[in-house]
Amino acid sequence: MYHQIMNRRLFYLILTAFLLFTRVNADIAPNPIVVKGIYTNDSCKIQMTEEYVYADLFNDSAKVSCTFELLNHGESITIQVGFPVMNFQYWSMGDYSDDDKSHFRIFVDNKMLTEEDIGVPSELDSIYNAYMYIYHIEKEYQRKMDSIYSANNVTIEENVFFQYSSNPSYQAARAALEDLFKWRETKPHFGSDLWQPFGKQMEKGNFPWYVWNVHFYKNERKQIKVEYSLPSGQGYGADYRYFKYILETGSGWYGLIEKADIELKLHDIKLETLEEISPFGYQMAENDKIIKWSFTNFEPSQQDDIYVKYYNKKERKDWQRYKRKRKRAIFLRKVNPVNWFR
């Protein structure tokens, strides 16, 4: 029985290692991380009069601050304002994470919203609750396992090797762990049963991940500010990285945007590694490494979206080396299909 328990735990460790390994190698595929503004699906006459975006760009991440000035041209109304899809980390196993809300802050007229103020669209509520329940179960599972080891004086080295203080300690821990494993198997796990419904809802309704309510009186102006950090976008094999801000999101508001200013500050990104900057019409302060765009009286379209492409010299060199090795392996496989891998 003990060996069954340890074999099962070893299986979980191997599975975890496999998933981590495949995730690392999946970096040859793109990480399609983009930044978007706030929007609403509610019908209203609220205009986004001004938009100011400031981003500190680093090689592998960005810190973003977006300020939106809104004006209600209609009657008093309460609307739901929301985040579009936001990936706060590379290749997350699921779509919702239990620490998502720790990655951003939202202010309405300089008042910061609490986590309780921020919810999800009703269409995603049941899926979100299912995600949070599994995160809760996983934490409870780990807590109970640690408690069993502690109560029976079990020493764990390098998260693999287990030392028991006595045979009774081993017997008690074995029985408790077996019961714990059985309990965990009765609970739901992450998998396609969650990922597929989430993806279908997002595609069907283009729902934001997180929403909050904002009340506007007639002719009232409000300021909404959103601050968050997230990884940089990444091309195949980390051949290049990029920052992308979707201005087009603002087209969902009433009327035109009277003024929009975008300012990007480059930190550990060298100017000579910049390969693409769009749209045209930007200003570059090379000494300060700042890129600026200014727009007036416009309804943003896809052509207005901000895009900066750059590369990291080491990452590009590693990618080129990988491509050469892969090309050689393909050639050897054709020449000697039996022993090409040796």
C-alpha atoms as a PDB file:
ATOM      1  CA  MET A   1       0.000   0.000   0.000  1.00  0.00           C
ATOM      2  CA  TYR A   2       2.810   2.384   0.862  1.00  0.00           C
ATOM      3  CA  HIS A   3       4.374   1.829  -2.527  1.00  0.00           C
ATOM      4  CA  GLN A   4       1.027   2.512  -4.167  1.00  0.00           C
ATOM      5  CA  ILE A   5       0.791   5.811  -2.340  1.00  0.00           C
ATOM      6  CA  MET A   6       4.335   6.800  -3.207  1.00  0.00           C
ATOM      7  CA  ASN A   7       3.900   5.642  -6.793  1.00  0.00           C
ATOM      8  CA  ARG A   8       0.798   7.766  -7.109  1.00  0.00           C
ATOM      9  CA  ARG A   9       2.585  10.772  -5.680  1.00  0.00           C
ATOM     10  CA  LEU A  10       5.502  10.089  -8.007  1.00  0.00           C
ATOM     11  CA  PHE A  11       3.033   9.956 -10.884  1.00  0.00           C
ATOM     12  CA  TYR A  12       1.716  13.409  -9.952  1.00  0.00           C
ATOM     13  CA  LEU A  13       5.271  14.731  -9.732  1.00  0.00           C
ATOM     14  CA  ILE A  14       6.155  13.276 -13.134  1.00  0.00           C
ATOM     15  CA  LEU A  15       2.936  14.650 -14.616  1.00  0.00           C
ATOM     16  CA  THR A  16       3.683  18.089 -13.199  1.00  0.00           C
ATOM     17  CA  ALA A  17       7.229  17.964 -14.529  1.00  0.00           C
ATOM     18  CA  PHE A  18       5.915  16.891 -17.930  1.00  0.00           C
ATOM     19  CA  LEU A  19       3.472  19.774 -18.042  1.00  0.00           C
ATOM     20  CA  LEU A  20       6.142  22.238 -17.011  1.00  0.00           C
ATOM     21  CA  PHE A  21       8.511  20.824 -19.611  1.00  0.00           C
ATOM     22  CA  THR A  22       5.964  21.060 -22.378  1.00  0.00           C
ATOM     23  CA  ARG A  23       5.093  24.582 -21.309  1.00  0.00           C
ATOM     24  CA  VAL A  24       8.735  25.635 -21.519  1.00  0.00           C
ATOM     25  CA  ASN A  25       9.111  24.105 -24.959  1.00  0.00           C
ATOM     26  CA  ALA A  26       5.826  25.660 -25.995  1.00  0.00           C
ATOM     27  CA  ASP A  27       7.669  28.995 -25.980  1.00  0.00           C
ATOM     28  CA  ILE A  28       8.462  28.283 -29.637  1.00  0.00           C
ATOM     29  CA  ALA A  29       4.806  29.181 -30.187  1.00  0.00           C
ATOM     30  CA  PRO A  30       3.724  32.811 -29.809  1.00  0.00           C
ATOM     31  CA  ASN A  31       2.478  34.310 -26.572  1.00  0.00           C
ATOM     32  CA  PRO A  32      -0.323  36.506 -27.942  1.00  0.00           C
ATOM     33  CA  ILE A  33      -0.425  38.998 -25.104  1.00  0.00           C
ATOM     34  CA  VAL A  34      -1.938  42.370 -25.946  1.00  0.00           C
ATOM     35  CA  VAL A  35      -3.145  45.332 -23.915  1.00  0.00           C
ATOM     36  CA  LYS A  36      -6.645  46.719 -24.317  1.00  0.00           C
ATOM     37  CA  GLY A  37      -8.648  49.563 -22.858  1.00  0.00           C
ATOM     38  CA  ILE A  38     -11.897  49.397 -20.938  1.00  0.00           C
ATOM     39  CA  TYR A  39     -15.228  48.940 -22.667  1.00  0.00           C
ATOM     40  CA  THR A  40     -18.882  48.239 -21.993  1.00  0.00           C
ATOM     41  CA  ASN A  41     -21.430  45.969 -23.639  1.00  0.00           C
ATOM     42  CA  ASP A  42     -24.270  48.057 -22.246  1.00  0.00           C
ATOM     43  CA  SER A  43     -26.218  50.418 -24.483  1.00  0.00           C
ATOM     44  CA  CYS A  44     -25.550  53.975 -23.317  1.00  0.00           C
ATOM     45  CA  LYS A  45     -24.642  57.497 -24.397  1.00  0.00           C
ATOM     46  CA  ILE A  46     -21.381  57.682 -22.517  1.00  0.00           C
ATOM     47  CA  GLN A  47     -18.501  59.188 -24.442  1.00  0.00           C
ATOM     48  CA  MET A  48     -14.832  58.514 -23.798  1.00  0.00           C
ATOM     49  CA  THR A  49     -13.629  62.081 -24.207  1.00  0.00           C
ATOM     50  CA  GLU A  50      -9.973  61.467 -23.358  1.00  0.00           C
ATOM     51  CA  GLU A  51      -7.637  58.498 -23.062  1.00  0.00           C
ATOM     52  CA  TYR A  52      -4.104  58.594 -21.702  1.00  0.00           C
ATOM     53  CA  VAL A  53      -1.906  55.506 -21.683  1.00  0.00           C
ATOM     54  CA  TYR A  54       1.532  55.373 -20.104  1.00  0.00           C
ATOM     55  CA  ALA A  55       3.582  52.182 -20.186  1.00  0.00           C
ATOM     56  CA  ASP A  56       6.987  51.304 -18.789  1.00  0.00           C
ATOM     57  CA  LEU A  57       8.346  48.727 -21.217  1.00  0.00           C
ATOM     58  CA  PHE A  58      10.931  46.200 -20.117  1.00  0.00           C
ATOM     59  CA  ASN A  59      12.401  43.357 -22.132  1.00  0.00           C
ATOM     60  CA  ASP A  60      10.040  40.751 -20.704  1.00  0.00           C
ATOM     61  CA  SER A  61       7.196  42.748 -19.178  1.00  0.00           C
ATOM     62  CA  ALA A  62       5.286  46.005 -19.039  1.00  0.00           C
ATOM     63  CA  LYS A  63       3.709  48.172 -16.369  1.00  0.00           C
ATOM     64  CA  VAL A  64       0.715  50.010 -17.752  1.00  0.00           C
ATOM     65  CA  SER A  65      -1.388  52.904 -16.486  1.00  0.00           C
ATOM     66  CA  CYS A  66      -4.512  53.898 -18.436  1.00  0.00           C
ATOM     67  CA  THR A  67      -6.658  56.923 -17.595  1.00  0.00           C
ATOM     68  CA  PHE A  68     -10.056  57.383 -19.229  1.00  0.00           C
ATOM     69  CA  GLU A  69     -12.242  60.491 -19.026  1.00  0.00           C
ATOM     70  CA  LEU A  70     -15.927  59.670 -19.579  1.00  0.00           C
ATOM     71  CA  LEU A  71     -18.972  61.911 -20.097  1.00  0.00           C
ATOM     72  CA  ASN A  72     -22.606  60.803 -19.891  1.00  0.00           C
ATOM     73  CA  HIS A  73     -24.727  62.512 -22.578  1.00  0.00           C
ATOM     74  CA  GLY A  74     -27.848  60.578 -21.566  1.00  0.00           C
ATOM     75  CA  GLU A  75     -30.018  60.032 -18.510  1.00  0.00           C
ATOM     76  CA  SER A  76     -28.782  58.601 -15.215  1.00  0.00           C
ATOM     77  CA  ILE A  77     -27.557  55.060 -15.730  1.00  0.00           C
ATOM     78  CA  THR A  78     -25.491  52.308 -14.125  1.00  0.00           C
ATOM     79  CA  ILE A  79     -23.305  50.393 -16.550  1.00  0.00           C
ATOM     80  CA  GLN A  80     -20.873  47.518 -16.381  1.00  0.00           C
ATOM     81  CA  VAL A  81     -17.348  48.447 -17.383  1.00  0.00           C
ATOM     82  CA  GLY A  82     -14.902  45.657 -18.044  1.00  0.00           C
ATOM     83  CA  PHE A  83     -11.463  44.366 -18.864  1.00  0.00           C
ATOM     84  CA  PRO A  84     -11.047  42.551 -22.143  1.00  0.00           C
ATOM     85  CA  VAL A  85      -9.068  39.317 -22.212  1.00  0.00           C
ATOM     86  CA  MET A  86      -5.926  39.818 -20.154  1.00  0.00           C
ATOM     87  CA  ASN A  87      -3.129  37.270 -19.826  1.00  0.00           C
ATOM     88  CA  PHE A  88      -1.191  38.191 -16.730  1.00  0.00           C
ATOM     89  CA  GLN A  89       1.229  35.291 -17.110  1.00  0.00           C
ATOM     90  CA  TYR A  90       2.618  33.070 -19.850  1.00  0.00           C
ATOM     91  CA  TRP A  91       0.806  29.849 -20.611  1.00  0.00           C
ATOM     92  CA  SER A  92      -1.413  29.727 -17.551  1.00  0.00           C
ATOM     93  CA  MET A  93      -2.931  26.270 -17.107  1.00  0.00           C
ATOM     94  CA  GLY A  94      -6.382  27.737 -16.903  1.00  0.00           C
ATOM     95  CA  ASP A  95      -8.091  30.908 -18.055  1.00  0.00           C
ATOM     96  CA  TYR A  96      -9.051  32.346 -14.684  1.00  0.00           C
ATOM     97  CA  SER A  97      -6.516  32.395 -11.882  1.00  0.00           C
ATOM     98  CA  ASP A  98      -7.193  32.931  -8.208  1.00  0.00           C
ATOM     99  CA  ASP A  99      -4.623  35.732  -8.053  1.00  0.00           C
ATOM    100  CA  ASP A 100      -5.681  37.645 -11.190  1.00  0.00           C
ATOM    101  CA  LYS A 101      -7.046  40.552  -9.195  1.00  0.00           C
ATOM    102  CA  SER A 102      -3.691  41.087  -7.507  1.00  0.00           C
ATOM    103  CA  HIS A 103      -2.228  42.078 -10.874  1.00  0.00           C
ATOM    104  CA  PHE A 104      -4.339  45.189 -11.415  1.00  0.00           C
ATOM    105  CA  ARG A 105      -5.842  48.170  -9.627  1.00  0.00           C
ATOM    106  CA  ILE A 106      -8.933  50.093 -10.688  1.00  0.00           C
ATOM    107  CA  PHE A 107      -9.808  53.630  -9.601  1.00  0.00           C
ATOM    108  CA  VAL A 108     -13.108  55.417 -10.188  1.00  0.00           C
ATOM    109  CA  ASP A 109     -12.729  59.129  -9.470  1.00  0.00           C
ATOM    110  CA  ASN A 110      -9.545  58.348  -7.508  1.00  0.00           C
ATOM    111  CA  LYS A 111     -11.276  55.766  -5.312  1.00  0.00           C
ATOM    112  CA  MET A 112      -9.673  52.333  -5.599  1.00  0.00           C
ATOM    113  CA  LEU A 113     -12.106  49.468  -6.023  1.00  0.00           C
ATOM    114  CA  THR A 114     -11.846  46.477  -3.720  1.00  0.00           C
ATOM    115  CA  GLU A 115     -11.728  42.888  -4.947  1.00  0.00           C
ATOM    116  CA  GLU A 116     -15.359  42.593  -3.842  1.00  0.00           C
ATOM    117  CA  ASP A 117     -16.267  45.436  -6.215  1.00  0.00           C
ATOM    118  CA  ILE A 118     -14.839  43.525  -9.171  1.00  0.00           C
ATOM    119  CA  GLY A 119     -16.786  40.610 -10.586  1.00  0.00           C
ATOM    120  CA  VAL A 120     -17.267  38.707 -13.808  1.00  0.00           C
ATOM    121  CA  PRO A 121     -20.010  38.911 -16.455  1.00  0.00           C
ATOM    122  CA  SER A 122     -23.127  36.907 -15.618  1.00  0.00           C
ATOM    123  CA  GLU A 123     -22.455  34.696 -18.648  1.00  0.00           C
ATOM    124  CA  LEU A 124     -19.167  33.582 -17.070  1.00  0.00           C
ATOM    125  CA  ASP A 125     -20.235  33.510 -13.432  1.00  0.00           C
ATOM    126  CA  SER A 126     -20.734  29.744 -13.132  1.00  0.00           C
ATOM    127  CA  ILE A 127     -17.456  29.028 -14.934  1.00  0.00           C
ATOM    128  CA  TYR A 128     -15.595  31.496 -12.739  1.00  0.00           C
ATOM    129  CA  ASN A 129     -17.020  29.927  -9.577  1.00  0.00           C
ATOM    130  CA  ALA A 130     -15.964  26.497 -10.829  1.00  0.00           C
ATOM    131  CA  TYR A 131     -12.405  27.753 -11.342  1.00  0.00           C
ATOM    132  CA  MET A 132     -12.271  29.318  -7.896  1.00  0.00           C
ATOM    133  CA  TYR A 133     -13.656  26.155  -6.292  1.00  0.00           C
ATOM    134  CA  ILE A 134     -10.903  24.027  -7.826  1.00  0.00           C
ATOM    135  CA  TYR A 135      -8.242  26.499  -6.698  1.00  0.00           C
ATOM    136  CA  HIS A 136      -9.732  26.246  -3.211  1.00  0.00           C
ATOM    137  CA  ILE A 137      -9.667  22.440  -3.355  1.00  0.00           C
ATOM    138  CA  GLU A 138      -6.050  22.414  -4.517  1.00  0.00           C
ATOM    139  CA  LYS A 139      -4.994  24.643  -1.632  1.00  0.00           C
ATOM    140  CA  GLU A 140      -6.979  22.562   0.848  1.00  0.00           C
ATOM    141  CA  TYR A 141      -5.445  19.378  -0.562  1.00  0.00           C
ATOM    142  CA  GLN A 142      -1.927  20.720  -0.122  1.00  0.00           C
ATOM    143  CA  ARG A 143      -2.723  22.045   3.351  1.00  0.00           C
ATOM    144  CA  LYS A 144      -4.040  18.651   4.484  1.00  0.00           C
ATOM    145  CA  MET A 145      -1.053  16.848   3.011  1.00  0.00           C
ATOM    146  CA  ASP A 146       1.380  19.155   4.803  1.00  0.00           C
ATOM    147  CA  SER A 147      -0.580  18.637   8.017  1.00  0.00           C
ATOM    148  CA  ILE A 148      -0.285  14.855   7.693  1.00  0.00           C
ATOM    149  CA  TYR A 149       3.468  15.045   7.191  1.00  0.00           C
ATOM    150  CA  SER A 150       3.865  17.449  10.098  1.00  0.00           C
ATOM    151  CA  ALA A 151       1.693  15.407  12.482  1.00  0.00           C
ATOM    152  CA  ASN A 152       3.678  12.245  11.741  1.00  0.00           C
ATOM    153  CA  ASN A 153       7.134  13.840  11.792  1.00  0.00           C
ATOM    154  CA  VAL A 154       7.784  13.119   8.130  1.00  0.00           C
ATOM    155  CA  THR A 155      10.803  14.879   6.662  1.00  0.00           C
ATOM    156  CA  ILE A 156      10.696  15.713   2.957  1.00  0.00           C
ATOM    157  CA  GLU A 157      13.927  16.397   1.107  1.00  0.00           C
ATOM    158  CA  GLU A 158      13.882  18.071  -2.292  1.00  0.00           C
ATOM    159  CA  ASN A 159      10.139  17.378  -2.462  1.00  0.00           C
ATOM    160  CA  VAL A 160      10.878  13.755  -3.435  1.00  0.00           C
ATOM    161  CA  PHE A 161      12.585  11.830  -0.631  1.00  0.00           C
ATOM    162  CA  PHE A 162      10.580  10.997   2.487  1.00  0.00           C
ATOM    163  CA  GLN A 163      12.051  10.086   5.862  1.00  0.00           C
ATOM    164  CA  TYR A 164       9.840   8.630   8.582  1.00  0.00           C
ATOM    165  CA  SER A 165      10.805   8.823  12.249  1.00  0.00           C
ATOM    166  CA  SER A 166       9.451   5.333  13.008  1.00  0.00           C
ATOM    167  CA  ASN A 167       7.391   2.501  11.611  1.00  0.00           C
ATOM    168  CA  PRO A 168       4.217   3.691  13.419  1.00  0.00           C
ATOM    169  CA  SER A 169       4.812   7.108  11.867  1.00  0.00           C
ATOM    170  CA  TYR A 170       5.005   5.508   8.441  1.00  0.00           C
ATOM    171  CA  GLN A 171       1.839   3.452   9.023  1.00  0.00           C
ATOM    172  CA  ALA A 172      -0.168   6.450  10.252  1.00  0.00           C
ATOM    173  CA  ALA A 173       0.985   8.703   7.414  1.00  0.00           C
ATOM    174  CA  ARG A 174       0.267   5.987   4.857  1.00  0.00           C
ATOM    175  CA  ALA A 175      -3.316   5.537   6.048  1.00  0.00           C
ATOM    176  CA  ALA A 176      -3.986   9.274   6.220  1.00  0.00           C
ATOM    177  CA  LEU A 177      -2.515   9.894   2.762  1.00  0.00           C
ATOM    178  CA  GLU A 178      -4.581   7.117   1.229  1.00  0.00           C
ATOM    179  CA  ASP A 179      -7.745   8.679   2.642  1.00  0.00           C
ATOM    180  CA  LEU A 180      -6.629  12.086   1.388  1.00  0.00           C
ATOM    181  CA  PHE A 181      -5.999  10.787  -2.134  1.00  0.00           C
ATOM    182  CA  LYS A 182      -9.441   9.207  -2.178  1.00  0.00           C
ATOM    183  CA  TRP A 183     -10.986  12.493  -1.034  1.00  0.00           C
ATOM    184  CA  ARG A 184      -9.174  14.445  -3.777  1.00  0.00           C
ATOM    185  CA  GLU A 185     -10.359  12.043  -6.472  1.00  0.00           C
ATOM    186  CA  THR A 186     -13.966  12.866  -5.587  1.00  0.00           C
ATOM    187  CA  LYS A 187     -13.409  16.551  -6.380  1.00  0.00           C
ATOM    188  CA  PRO A 188     -13.241  18.267  -9.797  1.00  0.00           C
ATOM    189  CA  HIS A 189      -9.966  18.980 -11.587  1.00  0.00           C
ATOM    190  CA  PHE A 190      -8.823  21.500 -14.171  1.00  0.00           C
ATOM    191  CA  GLY A 191      -9.379  20.294 -17.701  1.00  0.00           C
ATOM    192  CA  SER A 192     -11.292  20.657 -20.927  1.00  0.00           C
ATOM    193  CA  ASP A 193     -14.596  20.596 -19.026  1.00  0.00           C
ATOM    194  CA  LEU A 194     -13.702  24.128 -17.928  1.00  0.00           C
ATOM    195  CA  TRP A 195     -11.415  25.402 -20.667  1.00  0.00           C
ATOM    196  CA  GLN A 196     -13.775  24.643 -23.544  1.00  0.00           C
ATOM    197  CA  PRO A 197     -16.872  26.359 -22.069  1.00  0.00           C
ATOM    198  CA  PHE A 198     -14.751  29.373 -21.166  1.00  0.00           C
ATOM    199  CA  GLY A 199     -13.369  29.637 -24.698  1.00  0.00           C
ATOM    200  CA  LYS A 200     -16.798  29.228 -26.278  1.00  0.00           C
ATOM    201  CA  GLN A 201     -18.307  31.965 -24.114  1.00  0.00           C
ATOM    202  CA  MET A 202     -15.450  34.339 -24.886  1.00  0.00           C
ATOM    203  CA  GLU A 203     -15.773  33.711 -28.629  1.00  0.00           C
ATOM    204  CA  LYS A 204     -19.557  33.938 -28.619  1.00  0.00           C
ATOM    205  CA  GLY A 205     -19.971  37.095 -26.600  1.00  0.00           C
ATOM    206  CA  ASN A 206     -16.537  38.733 -26.573  1.00  0.00           C
ATOM    207  CA  PHE A 207     -17.003  39.086 -22.835  1.00  0.00           C
ATOM    208  CA  PRO A 208     -14.425  40.794 -20.634  1.00  0.00           C
ATOM    209  CA  TRP A 209     -12.802  38.770 -17.898  1.00  0.00           C
ATOM    210  CA  TYR A 210     -13.616  41.176 -15.091  1.00  0.00           C
ATOM    211  CA  VAL A 211     -16.291  43.843 -14.723  1.00  0.00           C
ATOM    212  CA  TRP A 212     -17.380  46.489 -12.250  1.00  0.00           C
ATOM    213  CA  ASN A 213     -20.421  48.759 -12.004  1.00  0.00           C
ATOM    214  CA  VAL A 214     -20.207  52.515 -12.499  1.00  0.00           C
ATOM    215  CA  HIS A 215     -23.149  54.883 -11.993  1.00  0.00           C
ATOM    216  CA  PHE A 216     -23.421  58.066 -14.066  1.00  0.00           C
ATOM    217  CA  TYR A 217     -25.826  60.898 -13.415  1.00  0.00           C
ATOM    218  CA  LYS A 218     -27.042  62.941 -16.362  1.00  0.00           C
ATOM    219  CA  ASN A 219     -24.188  65.017 -17.844  1.00  0.00           C
ATOM    220  CA  GLU A 220     -21.802  63.626 -15.229  1.00  0.00           C
ATOM    221  CA  ARG A 221     -18.103  63.227 -15.921  1.00  0.00           C
ATOM    222  CA  LYS A 222     -16.081  60.408 -14.402  1.00  0.00           C
ATOM    223  CA  GLN A 223     -12.482  59.323 -14.503  1.00  0.00           C
ATOM    224  CA  ILE A 224     -11.529  55.655 -14.560  1.00  0.00           C
ATOM    225  CA  LYS A 225      -7.916  54.637 -14.097  1.00  0.00           C
ATOM    226  CA  VAL A 226      -6.550  51.126 -14.518  1.00  0.00           C
ATOM    227  CA  GLU A 227      -3.044  50.036 -13.518  1.00  0.00           C
ATOM    228  CA  TYR A 228      -1.606  46.599 -14.175  1.00  0.00           C
ATOM    229  CA  SER A 229       1.488  44.640 -15.128  1.00  0.00           C
ATOM    230  CA  LEU A 230       1.810  41.764 -17.566  1.00  0.00           C
ATOM    231  CA  PRO A 231       4.404  39.925 -19.649  1.00  0.00           C
ATOM    232  CA  SER A 232       5.500  41.199 -23.014  1.00  0.00           C
ATOM    233  CA  GLY A 233       4.141  39.538 -26.108  1.00  0.00           C
ATOM    234  CA  GLN A 234       6.497  36.973 -27.565  1.00  0.00           C
ATOM    235  CA  GLY A 235       7.027  35.587 -31.052  1.00  0.00           C
ATOM    236  CA  TYR A 236       7.957  32.065 -32.056  1.00  0.00           C
ATOM    237  CA  GLY A 237      10.962  30.830 -30.125  1.00  0.00           C
ATOM    238  CA  ALA A 238      11.343  34.245 -28.477  1.00  0.00           C
ATOM    239  CA  ASP A 239      12.705  35.436 -31.841  1.00  0.00           C
ATOM    240  CA  TYR A 240      11.152  38.775 -30.975  1.00  0.00           C
ATOM    241  CA  ARG A 241       9.021  40.451 -28.335  1.00  0.00           C
ATOM    242  CA  TYR A 242       6.370  43.116 -28.649  1.00  0.00           C
ATOM    243  CA  PHE A 243       4.011  45.489 -26.897  1.00  0.00           C
ATOM    244  CA  LYS A 244       0.550  45.968 -28.352  1.00  0.00           C
ATOM    245  CA  TYR A 245      -2.210  48.274 -27.169  1.00  0.00           C
ATOM    246  CA  ILE A 246      -5.609  47.917 -28.824  1.00  0.00           C
ATOM    247  CA  LEU A 247      -6.988  51.433 -29.228  1.00  0.00           C
ATOM    248  CA  GLU A 248      -9.847  50.009 -31.271  1.00  0.00           C
ATOM    249  CA  THR A 249     -11.528  48.951 -28.020  1.00  0.00           C
ATOM    250  CA  GLY A 250     -12.502  52.594 -27.513  1.00  0.00           C
ATOM    251  CA  SER A 251     -14.753  52.546 -30.570  1.00  0.00           C
ATOM    252  CA  GLY A 252     -17.490  50.929 -28.493  1.00  0.00           C
ATOM    253  CA  TRP A 253     -18.183  54.128 -26.587  1.00  0.00           C
ATOM    254  CA  TYR A 254     -20.596  56.856 -27.677  1.00  0.00           C
ATOM    255  CA  GLY A 255     -19.284  59.394 -30.181  1.00  0.00           C
ATOM    256  CA  LEU A 256     -15.686  60.215 -30.955  1.00  0.00           C
ATOM    257  CA  ILE A 257     -12.676  60.210 -28.670  1.00  0.00           C
ATOM    258  CA  GLU A 258     -11.679  63.867 -28.505  1.00  0.00           C
ATOM    259  CA  LYS A 259      -8.113  63.242 -27.418  1.00  0.00           C
ATOM    260  CA  ALA A 260      -5.865  60.221 -26.909  1.00  0.00           C
ATOM    261  CA  ASP A 261      -2.207  60.271 -25.896  1.00  0.00           C
ATOM    262  CA  ILE A 262      -0.035  57.161 -25.751  1.00  0.00           C
ATOM    263  CA  GLU A 263       3.414  57.289 -24.155  1.00  0.00           C
ATOM    264  CA  LEU A 264       5.832  54.354 -23.988  1.00  0.00           C
ATOM    265  CA  LYS A 265       9.021  54.521 -21.929  1.00  0.00           C
ATOM    266  CA  LEU A 266      11.707  51.997 -22.892  1.00  0.00           C
ATOM    267  CA  HIS A 267      13.892  50.737 -20.064  1.00  0.00           C
ATOM    268  CA  ASP A 268      16.203  47.777 -20.739  1.00  0.00           C
ATOM    269  CA  ILE A 269      15.221  47.762 -24.431  1.00  0.00           C
ATOM    270  CA  LYS A 270      17.911  49.181 -26.701  1.00  0.00           C
ATOM    271  CA  LEU A 271      16.867  51.452 -29.546  1.00  0.00           C
ATOM    272  CA  GLU A 272      18.827  49.412 -32.088  1.00  0.00           C
ATOM    273  CA  THR A 273      16.700  46.358 -31.256  1.00  0.00           C
ATOM    274  CA  LEU A 274      13.473  48.102 -32.319  1.00  0.00           C
ATOM    275  CA  GLU A 275      12.217  46.495 -35.530  1.00  0.00           C
ATOM    276  CA  GLU A 276       8.734  47.890 -35.987  1.00  0.00           C
ATOM    277  CA  ILE A 277       6.728  50.810 -34.607  1.00  0.00           C
ATOM    278  CA  SER A 278       3.180  51.514 -35.710  1.00  0.00           C
ATOM    279  CA  PRO A 279       1.079  53.372 -36.528  1.00  0.00           C
ATOM    280  CA  PHE A 280       3.005  56.149 -38.242  1.00  0.00           C
ATOM    281  CA  GLY A 281       2.876  59.662 -36.852  1.00  0.00           C
ATOM    282  CA  TYR A 282       4.677  58.901 -33.588  1.00  0.00           C
ATOM    283  CA  GLN A 283       7.371  61.043 -31.991  1.00  0.00           C
ATOM    284  CA  MET A 284      10.596  59.536 -30.693  1.00  0.00           C
ATOM    285  CA  ALA A 285      12.668  61.165 -27.950  1.00  0.00           C
ATOM    286  CA  GLU A 286      15.805  59.074 -28.352  1.00  0.00           C
ATOM    287  CA  ASN A 287      17.666  60.490 -25.359  1.00  0.00           C
ATOM    288  CA  ASP A 288      14.797  59.650 -23.022  1.00  0.00           C
ATOM    289  CA  LYS A 289      13.813  56.511 -24.988  1.00  0.00           C
ATOM    290  CA  ILE A 290      10.171  57.620 -25.136  1.00  0.00           C
ATOM    291  CA  ILE A 291       7.733  56.981 -27.993  1.00  0.00           C
ATOM    292  CA  LYS A 292       4.567  59.108 -28.205  1.00  0.00           C
ATOM    293  CA  TRP A 293       1.359  59.163 -30.240  1.00  0.00           C
ATOM    294  CA  SER A 294      -1.374  61.810 -30.174  1.00  0.00           C
ATOM    295  CA  PHE A 295      -4.843  61.459 -31.704  1.00  0.00           C
ATOM    296  CA  THR A 296      -7.737  63.933 -31.808  1.00  0.00           C
ATOM    297  CA  ASN A 297     -11.440  63.634 -32.615  1.00  0.00           C
ATOM    298  CA  PHE A 298     -11.338  60.102 -33.946  1.00  0.00           C
ATOM    299  CA  GLU A 299     -13.097  56.766 -33.749  1.00  0.00           C
ATOM    300  CA  PRO A 300     -10.255  54.266 -33.318  1.00  0.00           C
ATOM    301  CA  SER A 301      -9.902  51.408 -35.763  1.00  0.00           C
ATOM    302  CA  GLN A 302      -7.510  48.521 -36.119  1.00  0.00           C
ATOM    303  CA  GLN A 303      -5.121  50.774 -38.045  1.00  0.00           C
ATOM    304  CA  ASP A 304      -4.693  52.921 -34.917  1.00  0.00           C
ATOM    305  CA  ASP A 305      -3.586  50.074 -32.645  1.00  0.00           C
ATOM    306  CA  ILE A 306      -0.186  50.628 -31.041  1.00  0.00           C
ATOM    307  CA  TYR A 307       2.510  48.075 -31.824  1.00  0.00           C
ATOM    308  CA  VAL A 308       6.198  48.035 -30.909  1.00  0.00           C
ATOM    309  CA  LYS A 309       8.317  45.064 -31.949  1.00  0.00           C
ATOM    310  CA  TYR A 310      11.816  44.502 -30.573  1.00  0.00           C
ATOM    311  CA  TYR A 311      14.192  41.665 -29.809  1.00  0.00           C
ATOM    312  CA  ASN A 312      16.562  40.474 -27.134  1.00  0.00           C
ATOM    313  CA  LYS A 313      19.979  39.674 -28.573  1.00  0.00           C
ATOM    314  CA  LYS A 314      20.536  36.544 -26.490  1.00  0.00           C
ATOM    315  CA  GLU A 315      17.037  35.195 -27.142  1.00  0.00           C
ATOM    316  CA  ARG A 316      17.383  35.731 -30.879  1.00  0.00           C
ATOM    317  CA  LYS A 317      20.795  34.062 -30.910  1.00  0.00           C
ATOM    318  CA  ASP A 318      19.376  31.078 -29.012  1.00  0.00           C
ATOM    319  CA  TRP A 319      16.469  30.848 -31.452  1.00  0.00           C
ATOM    320  CA  GLN A 320      18.791  30.937 -34.458  1.00  0.00           C
ATOM    321  CA  ARG A 321      20.893  28.197 -32.879  1.00  0.00           C
ATOM    322  CA  TYR A 322      17.773  26.116 -32.266  1.00  0.00           C
ATOM    323  CA  LYS A 323      16.651  26.496 -35.899  1.00  0.00           C
ATOM    324  CA  ARG A 324      20.058  25.370 -37.152  1.00  0.00           C
ATOM    325  CA  LYS A 325      19.953  22.300 -34.912  1.00  0.00           C
ATOM    326  CA  ARG A 326      16.435  21.502 -36.018  1.00  0.00           C
ATOM    327  CA  LYS A 327      17.367  21.867 -39.684  1.00  0.00           C
ATOM    328  CA  ARG A 328      20.322  19.537 -39.156  1.00  0.00           C
ATOM    329  CA  ALA A 329      18.139  16.988 -37.333  1.00  0.00           C
ATOM    330  CA  ILE A 330      15.614  16.982 -40.182  1.00  0.00           C
ATOM    331  CA  PHE A 331      18.413  16.467 -42.699  1.00  0.00           C
ATOM    332  CA  LEU A 332      19.941  13.589 -40.705  1.00  0.00           C
ATOM    333  CA  ARG A 333      16.552  11.963 -40.307  1.00  0.00           C
ATOM    334  CA  LYS A 334      16.166  11.882 -44.084  1.00  0.00           C
ATOM    335  CA  VAL A 335      19.700  10.582 -44.635  1.00  0.00           C
ATOM    336  CA  ASN A 336      19.664   8.018 -41.829  1.00  0.00           C
ATOM    337  CA  PRO A 337      16.090   7.493 -40.570  1.00  0.00           C
ATOM    338  CA  VAL A 338      17.120   4.787 -38.076  1.00  0.00           C
ATOM    339  CA  ASN A 339      19.999   6.466 -36.241  1.00  0.00           C
ATOM    340  CA  TRP A 340      19.356  10.157 -36.962  1.00  0.00           C
ATOM    341  CA  PHE A 341      18.884  10.945 -33.275  1.00  0.00           C
ATOM    342  CA  ARG A 342      22.280   9.655 -32.174  1.00  0.00           C
END
